[in-house]
Amino acid sequence: MPEPFSIVPLTPDGRGGIGSLLISGPGAEEAFRALFTFKNGRAPTAEDLASRRHRPIFGHFSLGQDLHEEVLVRAVSPTELEIHSHGGGAIRSAIIRRLTGAGGTLRIDEAPRWDGPGDKVPDFRAEAMRLLPYARTEREARLLLEQNAGAADRFFEKAATLNGEARRALGRRVELLARVGRALYEPPRVVLIGPVNAGKSSLLNALLGFDRALVDPMAGTTRDAVSAATVIDGFPLLLSDTAGVREKPGVLEKEGIDRIIPLLKDARLLLTVYDVAAPEADPIGEFTRALRAAGGILTPGGPPSLLVLNKCDLPRETRNRFWETAPAERNGLVETSVFRPESVAALQKRMIEILFPALPEPGEFVPINARQLEAARARCR
């Protein structure tokens, strides 16, 4: 058994192109050499690794029972090696199991938090690098690298040259950009609600790009909340489909409706989905009454809601005329059809506009924790 060593994940959990691990400690190299072979099947020697310091090494990592995974390795030193594999969670878990079986100890540092403890004066560059391993998309990683490259320095230098309304306007912008920073810690949750058979599950699948929710023409198919993670325009989001709501639901539907309430407490945006051909004289009014009858689903001061008029591929003569004669304030909606990808893309664009009303310019300062935001506020008062 080799001497002790630690295993540190360098990339976050979830699907990705690459999964990276760092093994470090006195026994790291010995354990690695026992599990790795070059493409020709030869196991590396200590001299092989010493001659290839900081150069990419390609080969196979043993997962046991004649299973191997192609990996790219960087031998930093005799006590530190990086292992880069395909980014699937199952592959990384298998590599970690083999390493722990060889005497390694998995070490997962607590992820930084938006309101986590820290120095009284933010260290803007260091805090960006501390968060970088937890970035889930290229957009997030690029933003953090820009913060490490001095975005905060430029912001505070600019703020020092402004007075009055110009400085307050800069403060208002940084408040909006803080939404982008906060999303680095927790993907915003978007909840789909609406009457039964409005097509919410089909729309969820279209937004995700794969089938996650059960779809059936029978009304009330969704009995439970279904959630799935996705990425839209470089932003990780969590989408949740919910049971349809009507005034007199069945017992199973009632259970599904009861499970909506915890999701709404965590929601940053509601997509209220209606069927363009549903025959009700006042679809919005009827759904509002159903929400009241369900009790406690929506409360004042909740998340913003975007109206979605779904199934818009249906012939115009089948449409409910309510949507043509409704008051103007009810027409601020997005029309969608799962058979028209451009309409789904338009909905995704609108979702991002609501969730992130300001997006950073290249190199612009974005507060990435509560202390950084407070420091920016203080400078812009």
Protein backbone atom coordinates (compact mmCIF):
# COMPACT_ATOMS: atom_id res chain seq x y z
CA MET A 1 0.00 0.00 0.00
CA PRO A 2 1.43 3.40 -0.98
CA GLU A 3 1.88 6.20 1.50
CA PRO A 4 -1.16 8.45 2.13
CA PHE A 5 -2.36 10.88 -0.52
CA SER A 6 -5.45 13.00 -1.10
CA ILE A 7 -7.89 13.17 -4.02
CA VAL A 8 -9.32 16.60 -4.84
CA PRO A 9 -11.98 17.13 -7.57
CA LEU A 10 -11.06 20.11 -9.75
CA THR A 11 -14.31 20.26 -11.74
CA PRO A 12 -17.88 20.37 -10.37
CA ASP A 13 -20.33 17.49 -10.35
CA GLY A 14 -22.58 16.99 -13.35
CA ARG A 15 -22.21 16.40 -17.05
CA GLY A 16 -19.27 18.04 -18.76
CA GLY A 17 -16.70 17.63 -21.48
CA ILE A 18 -13.84 17.04 -19.04
CA GLY A 19 -13.62 15.80 -15.45
CA SER A 20 -10.43 16.65 -13.59
CA LEU A 21 -8.89 15.37 -10.35
CA LEU A 22 -5.77 16.30 -8.43
CA ILE A 23 -3.96 13.64 -6.41
CA SER A 24 -1.33 14.88 -4.01
CA GLY A 25 0.77 13.55 -1.18
CA PRO A 26 3.71 11.19 -0.62
CA GLY A 27 1.90 8.19 -2.11
CA ALA A 28 0.29 9.91 -5.10
CA GLU A 29 2.80 8.90 -7.75
CA GLU A 30 3.11 5.27 -6.58
CA ALA A 31 -0.66 4.79 -6.58
CA PHE A 32 -0.96 6.40 -10.00
CA ARG A 33 1.74 4.24 -11.58
CA ALA A 34 -0.05 1.11 -10.34
CA LEU A 35 -3.26 2.09 -12.13
CA PHE A 36 -2.00 3.78 -15.32
CA THR A 37 -0.54 2.40 -18.55
CA PHE A 38 0.70 4.08 -21.70
CA LYS A 39 -1.19 3.34 -24.93
CA ASN A 40 1.19 0.50 -25.67
CA GLY A 41 0.19 -1.17 -22.39
CA ARG A 42 3.45 -0.44 -20.51
CA ALA A 43 3.24 0.84 -16.95
CA PRO A 44 5.19 4.06 -16.32
CA THR A 45 8.29 4.19 -14.18
CA ALA A 46 9.27 7.00 -11.84
CA GLU A 47 11.84 8.03 -14.46
CA ASP A 48 9.13 8.20 -17.14
CA LEU A 49 7.12 10.67 -15.08
CA ALA A 50 10.19 12.69 -14.08
CA SER A 51 11.13 13.17 -17.74
CA ARG A 52 7.62 14.34 -18.61
CA ARG A 53 7.01 16.94 -15.89
CA HIS A 54 4.32 19.45 -16.99
CA ARG A 55 3.98 17.69 -20.36
CA PRO A 56 0.71 15.95 -21.33
CA ILE A 57 0.80 12.18 -20.86
CA PHE A 58 -1.85 10.14 -22.65
CA GLY A 59 -2.83 6.61 -21.67
CA HIS A 60 -5.32 4.37 -19.90
CA PHE A 61 -6.46 4.36 -16.28
CA SER A 62 -7.61 1.03 -14.89
CA LEU A 63 -11.18 0.95 -13.58
CA GLY A 64 -10.98 -2.73 -12.65
CA GLN A 65 -12.24 -5.95 -14.25
CA ASP A 66 -10.47 -5.26 -17.56
CA LEU A 67 -12.14 -1.83 -17.84
CA HIS A 68 -10.03 1.19 -18.72
CA GLU A 69 -10.64 4.88 -19.28
CA GLU A 70 -8.61 7.11 -21.58
CA VAL A 71 -7.04 9.91 -19.55
CA LEU A 72 -4.70 12.84 -20.01
CA VAL A 73 -2.25 13.33 -17.15
CA ARG A 74 0.02 16.14 -16.02
CA ALA A 75 2.78 15.09 -13.62
CA VAL A 76 3.38 18.30 -11.68
CA SER A 77 5.84 16.82 -9.17
CA PRO A 78 6.56 13.47 -7.47
CA THR A 79 3.77 14.30 -5.01
CA GLU A 80 1.21 15.96 -7.27
CA LEU A 81 -0.53 14.77 -10.46
CA GLU A 82 -3.57 15.99 -12.40
CA ILE A 83 -5.85 13.40 -14.06
CA HIS A 84 -8.22 14.60 -16.80
CA SER A 85 -10.89 12.23 -18.13
CA HIS A 86 -14.20 12.38 -19.96
CA GLY A 87 -16.60 14.48 -17.92
CA GLY A 88 -19.30 11.95 -17.06
CA GLY A 89 -20.04 11.57 -13.37
CA ALA A 90 -19.92 7.76 -13.50
CA ILE A 91 -16.41 7.81 -14.97
CA ARG A 92 -15.08 10.21 -12.38
CA SER A 93 -16.72 8.22 -9.57
CA ALA A 94 -15.06 5.04 -10.86
CA ILE A 95 -11.63 6.72 -10.94
CA ILE A 96 -12.14 8.03 -7.40
CA ARG A 97 -13.15 4.56 -6.17
CA ARG A 98 -9.96 3.06 -7.61
CA LEU A 99 -7.83 5.76 -6.04
CA THR A 100 -9.47 5.46 -2.64
CA GLY A 101 -9.00 1.70 -2.87
CA ALA A 102 -5.30 2.39 -3.40
CA GLY A 103 -5.10 4.35 -0.15
CA GLY A 104 -6.25 7.82 -1.20
CA THR A 105 -8.57 10.04 0.81
CA LEU A 106 -11.22 12.04 -1.00
CA ARG A 107 -11.17 15.69 0.05
CA ILE A 108 -14.01 17.95 -0.98
CA ASP A 109 -13.71 21.47 0.32
CA GLU A 110 -16.93 23.25 1.25
CA ALA A 111 -18.14 25.23 -1.74
CA PRO A 112 -18.08 29.02 -1.33
CA ARG A 113 -21.41 30.66 -0.54
CA TRP A 114 -22.86 33.97 -1.66
CA ASP A 115 -23.17 35.10 1.97
CA GLY A 116 -20.32 33.00 3.32
CA PRO A 117 -17.79 34.22 5.88
CA GLY A 118 -14.59 35.86 4.74
CA ASP A 119 -12.19 38.70 5.25
CA LYS A 120 -13.72 42.03 6.16
CA VAL A 121 -12.17 43.58 3.05
CA PRO A 122 -12.87 41.41 -0.02
CA ASP A 123 -9.91 39.98 -1.90
CA PHE A 124 -11.58 40.29 -5.29
CA ARG A 125 -9.00 38.39 -7.36
CA ALA A 126 -8.45 35.54 -4.91
CA GLU A 127 -12.19 35.05 -4.34
CA ALA A 128 -12.76 34.70 -8.08
CA MET A 129 -10.11 31.99 -8.32
CA ARG A 130 -11.54 30.25 -5.26
CA LEU A 131 -14.89 30.00 -7.03
CA LEU A 132 -13.50 28.99 -10.44
CA PRO A 133 -13.51 25.19 -9.83
CA TYR A 134 -17.25 25.40 -9.20
CA ALA A 135 -18.05 27.10 -12.52
CA ARG A 136 -20.54 24.98 -14.47
CA THR A 137 -20.31 26.62 -17.89
CA GLU A 138 -17.75 28.34 -20.08
CA ARG A 139 -19.58 31.62 -19.60
CA GLU A 140 -19.25 31.38 -15.82
CA ALA A 141 -15.58 30.40 -16.03
CA ARG A 142 -14.83 33.30 -18.37
CA LEU A 143 -16.59 35.74 -16.04
CA LEU A 144 -14.53 34.54 -13.05
CA LEU A 145 -11.28 34.80 -14.99
CA GLU A 146 -12.19 38.37 -15.91
CA GLN A 147 -12.77 39.15 -12.22
CA ASN A 148 -9.37 37.69 -11.42
CA ALA A 149 -7.84 39.89 -14.12
CA GLY A 150 -8.71 43.11 -12.27
CA ALA A 151 -12.35 43.90 -13.06
CA ALA A 152 -12.92 45.17 -9.50
CA ASP A 153 -9.89 47.46 -9.66
CA ARG A 154 -11.25 49.10 -12.81
CA PHE A 155 -14.71 49.45 -11.27
CA PHE A 156 -13.50 51.23 -8.14
CA GLU A 157 -11.17 53.46 -10.16
CA LYS A 158 -14.10 54.47 -12.36
CA ALA A 159 -16.42 55.03 -9.37
CA ALA A 160 -13.84 57.39 -7.85
CA THR A 161 -14.10 59.67 -10.90
CA LEU A 162 -17.91 59.94 -10.79
CA ASN A 163 -20.22 62.10 -8.71
CA GLY A 164 -23.92 62.43 -8.08
CA GLU A 165 -26.30 60.72 -10.47
CA ALA A 166 -23.53 59.15 -12.57
CA ARG A 167 -22.19 57.32 -9.54
CA ARG A 168 -25.67 56.27 -8.43
CA ALA A 169 -26.36 54.93 -11.94
CA LEU A 170 -23.18 52.85 -11.68
CA GLY A 171 -24.47 51.54 -8.36
CA ARG A 172 -27.81 50.56 -9.89
CA ARG A 173 -26.04 48.67 -12.63
CA VAL A 174 -23.85 46.75 -10.23
CA GLU A 175 -26.99 45.77 -8.25
CA LEU A 176 -28.40 44.19 -11.41
CA LEU A 177 -25.11 42.49 -12.29
CA ALA A 178 -25.07 40.95 -8.82
CA ARG A 179 -27.87 38.65 -10.03
CA VAL A 180 -25.35 37.13 -12.44
CA GLY A 181 -22.86 36.72 -9.61
CA ARG A 182 -25.40 35.10 -7.33
CA ALA A 183 -26.32 32.58 -10.04
CA LEU A 184 -22.77 31.21 -9.77
CA TYR A 185 -23.81 29.55 -6.51
CA GLU A 186 -27.31 28.35 -7.29
CA PRO A 187 -28.98 28.08 -10.70
CA PRO A 188 -32.21 30.12 -10.76
CA ARG A 189 -35.32 27.95 -10.58
CA VAL A 190 -37.98 28.47 -13.26
CA VAL A 191 -41.34 26.86 -12.46
CA LEU A 192 -43.96 26.01 -15.09
CA ILE A 193 -47.52 26.32 -13.81
CA GLY A 194 -50.87 26.44 -15.58
CA PRO A 195 -54.20 24.71 -16.15
CA VAL A 196 -54.34 20.99 -16.84
CA ASN A 197 -53.41 19.87 -20.36
CA ALA A 198 -51.76 23.19 -21.26
CA GLY A 199 -48.72 21.33 -22.62
CA LYS A 200 -46.36 22.19 -19.75
CA SER A 201 -44.56 18.84 -19.82
CA SER A 202 -43.98 18.97 -23.59
CA LEU A 203 -42.74 22.54 -23.25
CA LEU A 204 -40.37 21.54 -20.43
CA ASN A 205 -38.91 18.81 -22.64
CA ALA A 206 -38.49 21.30 -25.49
CA LEU A 207 -36.72 23.79 -23.23
CA LEU A 208 -34.40 21.05 -21.98
CA GLY A 209 -33.72 19.55 -25.39
CA PHE A 210 -34.45 16.04 -24.12
CA ASP A 211 -37.42 14.14 -22.66
CA ARG A 212 -37.54 14.49 -18.89
CA ALA A 213 -41.29 14.77 -18.23
CA LEU A 214 -43.95 12.22 -19.08
CA VAL A 215 -46.17 13.48 -21.94
CA ASP A 216 -49.70 12.23 -22.60
CA PRO A 217 -52.77 13.82 -24.24
CA MET A 218 -54.89 12.96 -21.19
CA ALA A 219 -55.41 15.93 -18.89
CA GLY A 220 -53.75 15.72 -15.48
CA THR A 221 -50.92 13.36 -16.46
CA THR A 222 -48.35 15.16 -14.31
CA ARG A 223 -49.04 14.20 -10.71
CA ASP A 224 -45.75 15.27 -9.18
CA ALA A 225 -43.22 18.04 -9.71
CA VAL A 226 -40.47 17.14 -12.16
CA SER A 227 -37.22 19.11 -12.14
CA ALA A 228 -34.19 19.06 -14.41
CA ALA A 229 -31.07 21.18 -14.85
CA THR A 230 -30.18 22.79 -18.15
CA VAL A 231 -28.06 25.61 -19.59
CA ILE A 232 -29.52 28.50 -21.58
CA ASP A 233 -27.20 31.10 -23.10
CA GLY A 234 -24.40 29.95 -20.80
CA PHE A 235 -26.49 30.22 -17.62
CA PRO A 236 -27.34 27.08 -15.64
CA LEU A 237 -31.07 26.96 -14.81
CA LEU A 238 -33.27 24.53 -12.91
CA LEU A 239 -36.63 23.97 -14.62
CA SER A 240 -39.58 22.48 -12.73
CA ASP A 241 -42.78 21.14 -14.27
CA THR A 242 -45.83 20.95 -11.99
CA ALA A 243 -49.28 19.39 -11.88
CA GLY A 244 -52.02 21.25 -13.71
CA VAL A 245 -54.35 23.28 -11.49
CA ARG A 246 -58.14 23.26 -11.76
CA GLU A 247 -60.93 24.15 -9.33
CA LYS A 248 -61.98 20.58 -8.49
CA PRO A 249 -58.88 18.37 -8.85
CA GLY A 250 -58.87 14.66 -8.16
CA VAL A 251 -57.12 13.25 -5.10
CA LEU A 252 -53.87 12.51 -6.94
CA GLU A 253 -53.87 15.92 -8.61
CA LYS A 254 -54.46 17.55 -5.20
CA GLU A 255 -51.31 15.87 -3.90
CA GLY A 256 -49.39 17.16 -6.91
CA ILE A 257 -50.73 20.69 -6.35
CA ASP A 258 -49.67 20.57 -2.69
CA ARG A 259 -46.12 19.88 -3.83
CA ILE A 260 -46.02 23.06 -5.94
CA ILE A 261 -45.83 25.35 -2.90
CA PRO A 262 -42.23 24.53 -1.83
CA LEU A 263 -41.05 25.03 -5.42
CA LEU A 264 -42.66 28.46 -5.62
CA LYS A 265 -40.81 29.60 -2.51
CA ASP A 266 -37.57 28.86 -4.35
CA ALA A 267 -38.66 30.14 -7.79
CA ARG A 268 -37.05 33.10 -9.53
CA LEU A 269 -39.49 33.03 -12.46
CA LEU A 270 -42.89 31.50 -13.21
CA LEU A 271 -43.94 30.43 -16.68
CA THR A 272 -47.74 30.47 -16.62
CA VAL A 273 -48.68 28.25 -19.55
CA TYR A 274 -52.05 28.32 -21.34
CA ASP A 275 -53.40 26.19 -24.19
CA VAL A 276 -54.29 28.50 -27.09
CA ALA A 277 -57.27 26.28 -27.98
CA ALA A 278 -58.67 25.69 -24.48
CA PRO A 279 -62.37 26.67 -24.70
CA GLU A 280 -62.86 28.59 -21.43
CA ALA A 281 -64.47 32.00 -21.86
CA ASP A 282 -61.79 33.59 -19.68
CA PRO A 283 -58.78 31.23 -19.34
CA ILE A 284 -56.82 33.63 -17.13
CA GLY A 285 -59.79 34.28 -14.84
CA GLU A 286 -60.59 30.59 -14.50
CA PHE A 287 -57.01 29.71 -13.69
CA THR A 288 -56.84 32.52 -11.13
CA ARG A 289 -59.95 31.13 -9.44
CA ALA A 290 -58.44 27.64 -9.47
CA LEU A 291 -55.33 29.00 -7.75
CA ARG A 292 -57.49 30.59 -5.06
CA ALA A 293 -59.39 27.34 -4.60
CA ALA A 294 -56.12 25.41 -4.27
CA GLY A 295 -55.10 27.84 -1.51
CA GLY A 296 -51.67 29.26 -0.80
CA ILE A 297 -50.08 28.54 -4.17
CA LEU A 298 -49.35 32.13 -5.11
CA THR A 299 -48.73 34.92 -2.62
CA PRO A 300 -48.23 38.68 -3.12
CA GLY A 301 -44.64 39.68 -3.73
CA GLY A 302 -43.76 36.37 -5.35
CA PRO A 303 -41.52 35.84 -8.39
CA PRO A 304 -42.29 37.52 -11.72
CA SER A 305 -44.54 35.60 -14.08
CA LEU A 306 -44.28 35.30 -17.86
CA LEU A 307 -47.45 34.33 -19.74
CA VAL A 308 -46.88 31.60 -22.31
CA LEU A 309 -49.50 30.84 -24.95
CA ASN A 310 -48.74 27.27 -25.96
CA LYS A 311 -49.70 24.97 -28.88
CA CYS A 312 -49.61 27.89 -31.32
CA ASP A 313 -49.02 25.53 -34.24
CA LEU A 314 -52.75 24.70 -34.16
CA PRO A 315 -54.92 26.13 -36.99
CA ARG A 316 -56.07 29.69 -36.31
CA GLU A 317 -59.74 28.71 -36.44
CA THR A 318 -59.21 26.42 -33.43
CA ARG A 319 -57.83 29.20 -31.26
CA ASN A 320 -59.82 30.59 -28.37
CA ARG A 321 -60.87 34.11 -29.43
CA PHE A 322 -60.18 35.31 -25.90
CA TRP A 323 -56.52 35.71 -26.86
CA GLU A 324 -57.45 38.05 -29.71
CA THR A 325 -59.90 40.21 -27.74
CA ALA A 326 -58.25 40.20 -24.30
CA PRO A 327 -57.21 43.54 -22.79
CA ALA A 328 -53.82 44.85 -23.86
CA GLU A 329 -52.13 44.00 -20.55
CA ARG A 330 -52.90 40.33 -21.13
CA ASN A 331 -51.16 40.33 -24.48
CA GLY A 332 -47.63 40.71 -23.08
CA LEU A 333 -47.00 37.02 -23.60
CA VAL A 334 -44.81 34.65 -25.60
CA GLU A 335 -46.37 32.28 -28.13
CA THR A 336 -44.81 28.81 -28.26
CA SER A 337 -45.09 25.48 -30.00
CA VAL A 338 -42.87 22.49 -29.37
CA PHE A 339 -43.01 21.93 -33.13
CA ARG A 340 -41.51 25.37 -33.82
CA PRO A 341 -37.98 25.50 -32.38
CA GLU A 342 -37.70 29.23 -33.08
CA SER A 343 -40.61 29.89 -30.69
CA VAL A 344 -38.92 27.88 -27.94
CA ALA A 345 -35.70 29.83 -28.55
CA ALA A 346 -37.67 33.09 -28.24
CA LEU A 347 -39.06 31.93 -24.90
CA GLN A 348 -35.57 31.02 -23.68
CA LYS A 349 -34.33 34.48 -24.68
CA ARG A 350 -37.17 36.15 -22.79
CA MET A 351 -36.49 34.02 -19.69
CA ILE A 352 -32.85 35.16 -19.60
CA GLU A 353 -33.92 38.80 -20.05
CA ILE A 354 -36.18 38.56 -17.00
CA LEU A 355 -33.78 36.59 -14.81
CA PHE A 356 -30.78 38.74 -15.75
CA PRO A 357 -31.95 42.25 -16.73
CA ALA A 358 -28.31 43.33 -17.12
CA LEU A 359 -25.49 41.23 -18.56
CA PRO A 360 -21.84 42.16 -18.03
CA GLU A 361 -19.72 43.57 -20.80
CA PRO A 362 -16.35 41.80 -21.33
CA GLY A 363 -14.11 42.61 -18.37
CA GLU A 364 -16.86 44.36 -16.38
CA PHE A 365 -16.96 43.98 -12.60
CA VAL A 366 -19.58 41.55 -11.25
CA PRO A 367 -19.94 41.07 -7.46
CA ILE A 368 -19.52 37.38 -6.75
CA ASN A 369 -20.47 37.43 -3.07
CA ALA A 370 -22.42 39.56 -0.61
CA ARG A 371 -19.32 41.30 0.76
CA GLN A 372 -18.23 42.39 -2.70
CA LEU A 373 -21.70 43.76 -3.41
CA GLU A 374 -21.71 45.71 -0.14
CA ALA A 375 -18.28 47.17 -0.92
CA ALA A 376 -19.58 48.31 -4.33
CA ARG A 377 -22.70 49.81 -2.75
CA ALA A 378 -20.62 51.75 -0.26
CA ARG A 379 -18.49 53.23 -3.04
CA CYS A 380 -21.52 54.25 -5.14
CA ARG A 381 -23.56 55.99 -2.44
